[in-house]
Amino acid sequence: MTIHNGDHLTIEYEKEAHRYVMFWHKPPSTFKEFQKEMLTYTKYFVKNGINQALWLHKNYNLPLTEEQLDWVQENVNEPCSETAVKVAFVVGEDAIVHLMVMDHFDDNPIDSEVRHFSSEERARKWLNYDQQEFTTSGKTKITFEGEDENGHSVFTVKTPSASVISALKSFKYLSEEGEFVKHHMKQYLLLTPREKQVLIMMAKGMTSKEIASVLFLSVHTVATHRKAINQKLEITSVMEAKQYVDAFQLYFE
């Protein structure tokens, strides 16, 4: 259900998850335009006590100054974090701008759990992940033990080993993906559109001859692209190429 369709920002409400999904149907070109939409978003978010936020930044390309980011922290992030449990960002086409968003949350943490993803599919998977996966069998007991000396929440989980292992693997995977995107974005941006196409095929284990046939290029040209990709990304194997494709799949859609 669409609850706001402003000059730039659209906000949709997903009732079952008590979630807002936001996307910029028209990118704001000034901070004033951005500010107006964000104040509207915050008003709705706080008023309705929303639990989750999914920001689709595909069309977002407005860089913000440190002063402007501080305004966002005070007037948007902090008020919304009072009810928001999870906030997911899908990396936009302007990756440099999104890196600023990542860095700001690193330097200014909020009460909500914030994650960054390369695709909407993976962001939703994380948002939909629920503690119920631990409790459906009726054999799991989760106890809150309070906070440690560093202010971290401590839980005791008693459940069949298979359930815990599965959950830990899931958390580890999502965390590593976000970190990979953040720390390898600049290298990825060095690739040309053609090199990105070749990278996808490299990740599938295709030979230079096979890639040349699909892209209607000479084998020599493909070999040149592969060499450039290996140098720019500092990779030497199919598995490393696949890691880039998996993390940055949004850019291949």
C-alpha atoms as a PDB file:
ATOM      1  CA  MET A   1       0.000   0.000   0.000  1.00  0.00           C
ATOM      2  CA  THR A   2       1.413   3.407  -0.999  1.00  0.00           C
ATOM      3  CA  ILE A   3       1.176   5.892   1.844  1.00  0.00           C
ATOM      4  CA  HIS A   4       3.255   8.690   0.305  1.00  0.00           C
ATOM      5  CA  ASN A   5       4.097   9.625  -3.259  1.00  0.00           C
ATOM      6  CA  GLY A   6       5.963  12.902  -3.070  1.00  0.00           C
ATOM      7  CA  ASP A   7       7.889  14.866  -5.665  1.00  0.00           C
ATOM      8  CA  HIS A   8      10.836  12.524  -5.258  1.00  0.00           C
ATOM      9  CA  LEU A   9      10.188   9.799  -2.676  1.00  0.00           C
ATOM     10  CA  THR A  10       7.638   6.992  -2.633  1.00  0.00           C
ATOM     11  CA  ILE A  11       6.843   5.178   0.615  1.00  0.00           C
ATOM     12  CA  GLU A  12       5.026   1.853   0.581  1.00  0.00           C
ATOM     13  CA  TYR A  13       3.705   0.028   3.624  1.00  0.00           C
ATOM     14  CA  GLU A  14       3.930  -3.754   3.941  1.00  0.00           C
ATOM     15  CA  LYS A  15       1.455  -4.625   6.671  1.00  0.00           C
ATOM     16  CA  GLU A  16       2.550  -8.180   7.499  1.00  0.00           C
ATOM     17  CA  ALA A  17       6.096  -7.123   8.339  1.00  0.00           C
ATOM     18  CA  HIS A  18       5.065  -3.665   9.609  1.00  0.00           C
ATOM     19  CA  ARG A  19       7.663  -2.392   7.150  1.00  0.00           C
ATOM     20  CA  TYR A  20       8.172   0.752   5.069  1.00  0.00           C
ATOM     21  CA  VAL A  21       9.800   0.400   1.653  1.00  0.00           C
ATOM     22  CA  MET A  22      11.222   3.587   0.157  1.00  0.00           C
ATOM     23  CA  PHE A  23      12.488   4.359  -3.329  1.00  0.00           C
ATOM     24  CA  TRP A  24      13.385   7.545  -5.148  1.00  0.00           C
ATOM     25  CA  HIS A  25      11.237   7.686  -8.276  1.00  0.00           C
ATOM     26  CA  LYS A  26      12.889  11.025  -9.040  1.00  0.00           C
ATOM     27  CA  PRO A  27      16.310  11.703  -7.486  1.00  0.00           C
ATOM     28  CA  PRO A  28      16.453  14.868  -5.361  1.00  0.00           C
ATOM     29  CA  SER A  29      18.830  17.413  -6.842  1.00  0.00           C
ATOM     30  CA  THR A  30      19.167  19.634  -3.777  1.00  0.00           C
ATOM     31  CA  PHE A  31      19.416  19.079  -0.042  1.00  0.00           C
ATOM     32  CA  LYS A  32      16.218  21.114   0.416  1.00  0.00           C
ATOM     33  CA  GLU A  33      14.286  18.616  -1.727  1.00  0.00           C
ATOM     34  CA  PHE A  34      15.883  15.720   0.131  1.00  0.00           C
ATOM     35  CA  GLN A  35      15.178  17.340   3.504  1.00  0.00           C
ATOM     36  CA  LYS A  36      11.495  17.841   2.733  1.00  0.00           C
ATOM     37  CA  GLU A  37      10.996  14.184   1.810  1.00  0.00           C
ATOM     38  CA  MET A  38      12.953  12.893   4.792  1.00  0.00           C
ATOM     39  CA  LEU A  39      10.899  14.949   7.233  1.00  0.00           C
ATOM     40  CA  THR A  40       7.730  13.485   5.734  1.00  0.00           C
ATOM     41  CA  TYR A  41       9.179   9.985   6.002  1.00  0.00           C
ATOM     42  CA  THR A  42      10.143  10.513   9.641  1.00  0.00           C
ATOM     43  CA  LYS A  43       6.710  11.880  10.520  1.00  0.00           C
ATOM     44  CA  TYR A  44       4.981   8.780   9.137  1.00  0.00           C
ATOM     45  CA  PHE A  45       7.576   6.405  10.588  1.00  0.00           C
ATOM     46  CA  VAL A  46       7.394   7.750  14.147  1.00  0.00           C
ATOM     47  CA  LYS A  47       3.631   8.189  14.117  1.00  0.00           C
ATOM     48  CA  ASN A  48       3.012   4.574  13.083  1.00  0.00           C
ATOM     49  CA  GLY A  49       5.831   2.984  15.117  1.00  0.00           C
ATOM     50  CA  ILE A  50       7.295   1.120  12.131  1.00  0.00           C
ATOM     51  CA  ASN A  51       9.582  -1.847  12.883  1.00  0.00           C
ATOM     52  CA  GLN A  52      11.529  -2.178   9.612  1.00  0.00           C
ATOM     53  CA  ALA A  53      12.771   0.077   6.822  1.00  0.00           C
ATOM     54  CA  LEU A  54      13.968  -0.966   3.371  1.00  0.00           C
ATOM     55  CA  TRP A  55      15.697   1.782   1.392  1.00  0.00           C
ATOM     56  CA  LEU A  56      16.091   1.109  -2.337  1.00  0.00           C
ATOM     57  CA  HIS A  57      18.780   3.563  -3.401  1.00  0.00           C
ATOM     58  CA  LYS A  58      19.009   2.604  -7.064  1.00  0.00           C
ATOM     59  CA  ASN A  59      18.196   6.156  -8.234  1.00  0.00           C
ATOM     60  CA  TYR A  60      19.728   8.046  -5.324  1.00  0.00           C
ATOM     61  CA  ASN A  61      22.763  10.131  -6.274  1.00  0.00           C
ATOM     62  CA  LEU A  62      22.814  13.190  -4.004  1.00  0.00           C
ATOM     63  CA  PRO A  63      26.044  13.526  -1.984  1.00  0.00           C
ATOM     64  CA  LEU A  64      25.674  15.099   1.461  1.00  0.00           C
ATOM     65  CA  THR A  65      28.138  17.149   3.481  1.00  0.00           C
ATOM     66  CA  GLU A  66      29.117  16.185   7.013  1.00  0.00           C
ATOM     67  CA  GLU A  67      26.844  18.919   8.331  1.00  0.00           C
ATOM     68  CA  GLN A  68      23.920  17.603   6.291  1.00  0.00           C
ATOM     69  CA  LEU A  69      24.582  14.033   7.429  1.00  0.00           C
ATOM     70  CA  ASP A  70      24.538  15.255  11.016  1.00  0.00           C
ATOM     71  CA  TRP A  71      21.097  16.756  10.325  1.00  0.00           C
ATOM     72  CA  VAL A  72      19.919  13.375   9.028  1.00  0.00           C
ATOM     73  CA  GLN A  73      21.289  11.674  12.133  1.00  0.00           C
ATOM     74  CA  GLU A  74      19.477  14.037  14.500  1.00  0.00           C
ATOM     75  CA  ASN A  75      16.194  14.487  12.630  1.00  0.00           C
ATOM     76  CA  VAL A  76      15.728  11.111  10.918  1.00  0.00           C
ATOM     77  CA  ASN A  77      17.950   8.280  12.159  1.00  0.00           C
ATOM     78  CA  GLU A  78      17.643   8.849  15.889  1.00  0.00           C
ATOM     79  CA  PRO A  79      13.838   9.431  16.012  1.00  0.00           C
ATOM     80  CA  CYS A  80      13.135   6.437  13.745  1.00  0.00           C
ATOM     81  CA  SER A  81      15.499   4.137  15.641  1.00  0.00           C
ATOM     82  CA  GLU A  82      13.221   4.343  18.684  1.00  0.00           C
ATOM     83  CA  THR A  83      10.896   1.815  17.038  1.00  0.00           C
ATOM     84  CA  ALA A  84      12.882   0.430  14.083  1.00  0.00           C
ATOM     85  CA  VAL A  85      14.447  -2.969  14.740  1.00  0.00           C
ATOM     86  CA  LYS A  86      16.029  -3.432  11.310  1.00  0.00           C
ATOM     87  CA  VAL A  87      17.039  -1.014   8.543  1.00  0.00           C
ATOM     88  CA  ALA A  88      18.282  -2.338   5.191  1.00  0.00           C
ATOM     89  CA  PHE A  89      19.860  -0.320   2.393  1.00  0.00           C
ATOM     90  CA  VAL A  90      20.206  -1.608  -1.161  1.00  0.00           C
ATOM     91  CA  VAL A  91      23.285  -0.037  -2.718  1.00  0.00           C
ATOM     92  CA  GLY A  92      22.495   2.558  -5.379  1.00  0.00           C
ATOM     93  CA  GLU A  93      23.997   3.051  -8.814  1.00  0.00           C
ATOM     94  CA  ASP A  94      26.137   5.882  -7.459  1.00  0.00           C
ATOM     95  CA  ALA A  95      28.274   3.690  -5.258  1.00  0.00           C
ATOM     96  CA  ILE A  96      30.499   6.509  -4.009  1.00  0.00           C
ATOM     97  CA  VAL A  97      27.479   8.318  -2.580  1.00  0.00           C
ATOM     98  CA  HIS A  98      26.347   5.138  -0.871  1.00  0.00           C
ATOM     99  CA  LEU A  99      29.779   4.634   0.642  1.00  0.00           C
ATOM    100  CA  MET A 100      29.201   7.946   2.432  1.00  0.00           C
ATOM    101  CA  VAL A 101      25.993   6.500   3.879  1.00  0.00           C
ATOM    102  CA  MET A 102      27.842   3.376   5.046  1.00  0.00           C
ATOM    103  CA  ASP A 103      30.624   5.374   6.656  1.00  0.00           C
ATOM    104  CA  HIS A 104      28.163   7.666   8.404  1.00  0.00           C
ATOM    105  CA  PHE A 105      26.362   4.745  10.067  1.00  0.00           C
ATOM    106  CA  ASP A 106      29.699   3.257  11.077  1.00  0.00           C
ATOM    107  CA  ASP A 107      30.674   6.525  12.766  1.00  0.00           C
ATOM    108  CA  ASN A 108      27.202   7.258  14.167  1.00  0.00           C
ATOM    109  CA  PRO A 109      25.557   3.993  15.266  1.00  0.00           C
ATOM    110  CA  ILE A 110      21.876   3.951  16.196  1.00  0.00           C
ATOM    111  CA  ASP A 111      19.744   1.547  18.211  1.00  0.00           C
ATOM    112  CA  SER A 112      18.420  -0.146  15.068  1.00  0.00           C
ATOM    113  CA  GLU A 113      20.362  -2.909  13.311  1.00  0.00           C
ATOM    114  CA  VAL A 114      21.575  -1.519   9.974  1.00  0.00           C
ATOM    115  CA  ARG A 115      22.827  -3.580   7.025  1.00  0.00           C
ATOM    116  CA  HIS A 116      23.800  -2.796   3.422  1.00  0.00           C
ATOM    117  CA  PHE A 117      23.080  -5.163   0.525  1.00  0.00           C
ATOM    118  CA  SER A 118      23.801  -5.465  -3.177  1.00  0.00           C
ATOM    119  CA  SER A 119      20.263  -6.572  -4.074  1.00  0.00           C
ATOM    120  CA  GLU A 120      16.702  -6.198  -2.852  1.00  0.00           C
ATOM    121  CA  GLU A 121      16.327  -9.968  -2.715  1.00  0.00           C
ATOM    122  CA  ARG A 122      19.100 -10.344  -0.172  1.00  0.00           C
ATOM    123  CA  ALA A 123      17.941  -7.347   1.834  1.00  0.00           C
ATOM    124  CA  ARG A 124      14.462  -8.844   2.123  1.00  0.00           C
ATOM    125  CA  LYS A 125      15.892 -12.201   3.116  1.00  0.00           C
ATOM    126  CA  TRP A 126      17.657 -10.546   6.018  1.00  0.00           C
ATOM    127  CA  LEU A 127      14.622  -8.468   6.997  1.00  0.00           C
ATOM    128  CA  ASN A 128      12.365 -11.516   6.886  1.00  0.00           C
ATOM    129  CA  TYR A 129      14.723 -13.597   9.003  1.00  0.00           C
ATOM    130  CA  ASP A 130      12.867 -14.120  12.250  1.00  0.00           C
ATOM    131  CA  GLN A 131      13.592 -15.620  15.612  1.00  0.00           C
ATOM    132  CA  GLN A 132      10.683 -17.962  14.883  1.00  0.00           C
ATOM    133  CA  GLU A 133      13.118 -20.086  12.905  1.00  0.00           C
ATOM    134  CA  PHE A 134      14.606 -21.019  16.260  1.00  0.00           C
ATOM    135  CA  THR A 135      11.353 -21.635  18.083  1.00  0.00           C
ATOM    136  CA  THR A 136       9.071 -23.535  15.728  1.00  0.00           C
ATOM    137  CA  SER A 137      10.168 -26.904  17.077  1.00  0.00           C
ATOM    138  CA  GLY A 138       9.199 -25.944  20.621  1.00  0.00           C
ATOM    139  CA  LYS A 139      12.597 -27.231  21.824  1.00  0.00           C
ATOM    140  CA  THR A 140      14.416 -23.922  21.788  1.00  0.00           C
ATOM    141  CA  LYS A 141      14.811 -21.587  24.732  1.00  0.00           C
ATOM    142  CA  ILE A 142      16.302 -18.121  24.302  1.00  0.00           C
ATOM    143  CA  THR A 143      17.154 -16.170  27.449  1.00  0.00           C
ATOM    144  CA  PHE A 144      18.288 -12.545  27.627  1.00  0.00           C
ATOM    145  CA  GLU A 145      21.188 -12.348  30.077  1.00  0.00           C
ATOM    146  CA  GLY A 146      21.610  -8.557  30.053  1.00  0.00           C
ATOM    147  CA  GLU A 147      24.579  -6.555  28.736  1.00  0.00           C
ATOM    148  CA  ASP A 148      28.298  -7.152  29.012  1.00  0.00           C
ATOM    149  CA  GLU A 149      30.906  -4.541  29.973  1.00  0.00           C
ATOM    150  CA  ASN A 150      30.973  -3.248  26.376  1.00  0.00           C
ATOM    151  CA  GLY A 151      27.233  -2.671  26.201  1.00  0.00           C
ATOM    152  CA  HIS A 152      26.551  -5.717  24.004  1.00  0.00           C
ATOM    153  CA  SER A 153      23.395  -7.752  24.536  1.00  0.00           C
ATOM    154  CA  VAL A 154      24.031 -11.314  25.711  1.00  0.00           C
ATOM    155  CA  PHE A 155      21.655 -14.216  25.003  1.00  0.00           C
ATOM    156  CA  THR A 156      21.732 -17.854  25.991  1.00  0.00           C
ATOM    157  CA  VAL A 157      20.335 -20.193  23.323  1.00  0.00           C
ATOM    158  CA  LYS A 158      19.393 -23.798  24.078  1.00  0.00           C
ATOM    159  CA  THR A 159      18.365 -25.658  20.930  1.00  0.00           C
ATOM    160  CA  PRO A 160      19.327 -28.659  18.768  1.00  0.00           C
ATOM    161  CA  SER A 161      22.818 -28.105  17.387  1.00  0.00           C
ATOM    162  CA  ALA A 162      21.710 -28.161  13.736  1.00  0.00           C
ATOM    163  CA  SER A 163      19.461 -25.118  14.238  1.00  0.00           C
ATOM    164  CA  VAL A 164      22.150 -23.027  15.845  1.00  0.00           C
ATOM    165  CA  ILE A 165      24.742 -23.891  13.232  1.00  0.00           C
ATOM    166  CA  SER A 166      22.358 -22.956  10.423  1.00  0.00           C
ATOM    167  CA  ALA A 167      21.529 -19.616  12.027  1.00  0.00           C
ATOM    168  CA  LEU A 168      25.156 -18.726  12.717  1.00  0.00           C
ATOM    169  CA  LYS A 169      26.104 -19.509   9.129  1.00  0.00           C
ATOM    170  CA  SER A 170      23.321 -17.221   7.910  1.00  0.00           C
ATOM    171  CA  PHE A 171      24.419 -14.326  10.140  1.00  0.00           C
ATOM    172  CA  LYS A 172      28.052 -14.803   9.135  1.00  0.00           C
ATOM    173  CA  TYR A 173      27.187 -14.815   5.424  1.00  0.00           C
ATOM    174  CA  LEU A 174      25.116 -11.619   5.564  1.00  0.00           C
ATOM    175  CA  SER A 175      27.732  -9.791   7.597  1.00  0.00           C
ATOM    176  CA  GLU A 176      30.581 -10.812   5.308  1.00  0.00           C
ATOM    177  CA  GLU A 177      28.665  -9.772   2.190  1.00  0.00           C
ATOM    178  CA  GLY A 178      28.100  -6.255   3.522  1.00  0.00           C
ATOM    179  CA  GLU A 179      31.743  -5.896   4.475  1.00  0.00           C
ATOM    180  CA  PHE A 180      32.904  -7.181   1.071  1.00  0.00           C
ATOM    181  CA  VAL A 181      30.759  -4.619  -0.793  1.00  0.00           C
ATOM    182  CA  LYS A 182      32.053  -1.780   1.352  1.00  0.00           C
ATOM    183  CA  HIS A 183      35.747  -2.650   1.107  1.00  0.00           C
ATOM    184  CA  HIS A 184      35.804  -3.610  -2.592  1.00  0.00           C
ATOM    185  CA  MET A 185      33.519  -0.962  -4.086  1.00  0.00           C
ATOM    186  CA  LYS A 186      36.339   1.230  -5.374  1.00  0.00           C
ATOM    187  CA  GLN A 187      37.998  -1.684  -7.154  1.00  0.00           C
ATOM    188  CA  TYR A 188      34.713  -2.740  -8.714  1.00  0.00           C
ATOM    189  CA  LEU A 189      34.117   0.785 -10.033  1.00  0.00           C
ATOM    190  CA  LEU A 190      37.345   0.514 -12.046  1.00  0.00           C
ATOM    191  CA  LEU A 191      35.703  -2.039 -14.359  1.00  0.00           C
ATOM    192  CA  THR A 192      34.258  -0.997 -17.702  1.00  0.00           C
ATOM    193  CA  PRO A 193      30.755  -2.201 -18.713  1.00  0.00           C
ATOM    194  CA  ARG A 194      32.327  -4.812 -21.011  1.00  0.00           C
ATOM    195  CA  GLU A 195      34.661  -6.022 -18.278  1.00  0.00           C
ATOM    196  CA  LYS A 196      31.656  -6.507 -15.983  1.00  0.00           C
ATOM    197  CA  GLN A 197      30.054  -8.712 -18.638  1.00  0.00           C
ATOM    198  CA  VAL A 198      33.222 -10.755 -18.939  1.00  0.00           C
ATOM    199  CA  LEU A 199      33.491 -11.008 -15.153  1.00  0.00           C
ATOM    200  CA  ILE A 200      30.058 -12.649 -14.940  1.00  0.00           C
ATOM    201  CA  MET A 201      31.123 -15.281 -17.432  1.00  0.00           C
ATOM    202  CA  MET A 202      34.453 -15.789 -15.720  1.00  0.00           C
ATOM    203  CA  ALA A 203      32.544 -16.494 -12.514  1.00  0.00           C
ATOM    204  CA  LYS A 204      30.676 -19.263 -14.349  1.00  0.00           C
ATOM    205  CA  GLY A 205      33.970 -20.875 -15.273  1.00  0.00           C
ATOM    206  CA  MET A 206      33.672 -20.102 -19.004  1.00  0.00           C
ATOM    207  CA  THR A 207      36.813 -20.165 -21.141  1.00  0.00           C
ATOM    208  CA  SER A 208      38.005 -17.205 -23.205  1.00  0.00           C
ATOM    209  CA  LYS A 209      36.823 -19.000 -26.339  1.00  0.00           C
ATOM    210  CA  GLU A 210      33.336 -19.531 -24.898  1.00  0.00           C
ATOM    211  CA  ILE A 211      33.099 -15.912 -23.748  1.00  0.00           C
ATOM    212  CA  ALA A 212      34.256 -14.681 -27.149  1.00  0.00           C
ATOM    213  CA  SER A 213      31.525 -16.710 -28.845  1.00  0.00           C
ATOM    214  CA  VAL A 214      28.775 -15.280 -26.618  1.00  0.00           C
ATOM    215  CA  LEU A 215      29.920 -11.646 -26.817  1.00  0.00           C
ATOM    216  CA  PHE A 216      30.958 -11.802 -30.486  1.00  0.00           C
ATOM    217  CA  LEU A 217      34.528 -10.808 -29.674  1.00  0.00           C
ATOM    218  CA  SER A 218      37.889 -12.225 -30.635  1.00  0.00           C
ATOM    219  CA  VAL A 219      39.613 -14.550 -28.197  1.00  0.00           C
ATOM    220  CA  HIS A 220      42.490 -12.075 -28.024  1.00  0.00           C
ATOM    221  CA  THR A 221      40.115  -9.262 -26.979  1.00  0.00           C
ATOM    222  CA  VAL A 222      38.547 -11.440 -24.271  1.00  0.00           C
ATOM    223  CA  ALA A 223      41.994 -12.383 -22.996  1.00  0.00           C
ATOM    224  CA  THR A 224      42.833  -8.675 -22.751  1.00  0.00           C
ATOM    225  CA  HIS A 225      39.647  -8.025 -20.770  1.00  0.00           C
ATOM    226  CA  ARG A 226      40.383 -10.934 -18.440  1.00  0.00           C
ATOM    227  CA  LYS A 227      43.875  -9.663 -17.754  1.00  0.00           C
ATOM    228  CA  ALA A 228      42.533  -6.175 -16.975  1.00  0.00           C
ATOM    229  CA  ILE A 229      39.873  -7.606 -14.650  1.00  0.00           C
ATOM    230  CA  ASN A 230      42.390  -9.734 -12.781  1.00  0.00           C
ATOM    231  CA  GLN A 231      44.647  -6.728 -12.303  1.00  0.00           C
ATOM    232  CA  LYS A 232      41.914  -4.290 -11.233  1.00  0.00           C
ATOM    233  CA  LEU A 233      40.219  -6.680  -8.810  1.00  0.00           C
ATOM    234  CA  GLU A 234      43.418  -8.469  -7.810  1.00  0.00           C
ATOM    235  CA  ILE A 235      41.851 -11.875  -8.365  1.00  0.00           C
ATOM    236  CA  THR A 236      43.372 -15.123  -9.612  1.00  0.00           C
ATOM    237  CA  SER A 237      40.555 -17.677  -9.524  1.00  0.00           C
ATOM    238  CA  VAL A 238      36.985 -18.425 -10.573  1.00  0.00           C
ATOM    239  CA  MET A 239      35.905 -18.415  -6.912  1.00  0.00           C
ATOM    240  CA  GLU A 240      37.196 -14.881  -6.412  1.00  0.00           C
ATOM    241  CA  ALA A 241      35.400 -13.722  -9.564  1.00  0.00           C
ATOM    242  CA  LYS A 242      32.211 -15.344  -8.284  1.00  0.00           C
ATOM    243  CA  GLN A 243      32.548 -13.530  -4.982  1.00  0.00           C
ATOM    244  CA  TYR A 244      32.464 -10.191  -6.813  1.00  0.00           C
ATOM    245  CA  VAL A 245      29.496 -11.208  -8.969  1.00  0.00           C
ATOM    246  CA  ASP A 246      27.524 -12.426  -5.948  1.00  0.00           C
ATOM    247  CA  ALA A 247      28.228  -9.293  -3.915  1.00  0.00           C
ATOM    248  CA  PHE A 248      27.596  -6.793  -6.709  1.00  0.00           C
ATOM    249  CA  GLN A 249      24.801  -8.609  -8.531  1.00  0.00           C
ATOM    250  CA  LEU A 250      22.581  -5.505  -8.430  1.00  0.00           C
ATOM    251  CA  TYR A 251      24.821  -3.967 -11.090  1.00  0.00           C
ATOM    252  CA  PHE A 252      24.377  -6.928 -13.441  1.00  0.00           C
ATOM    253  CA  GLU A 253      20.564  -6.790 -13.590  1.00  0.00           C
END
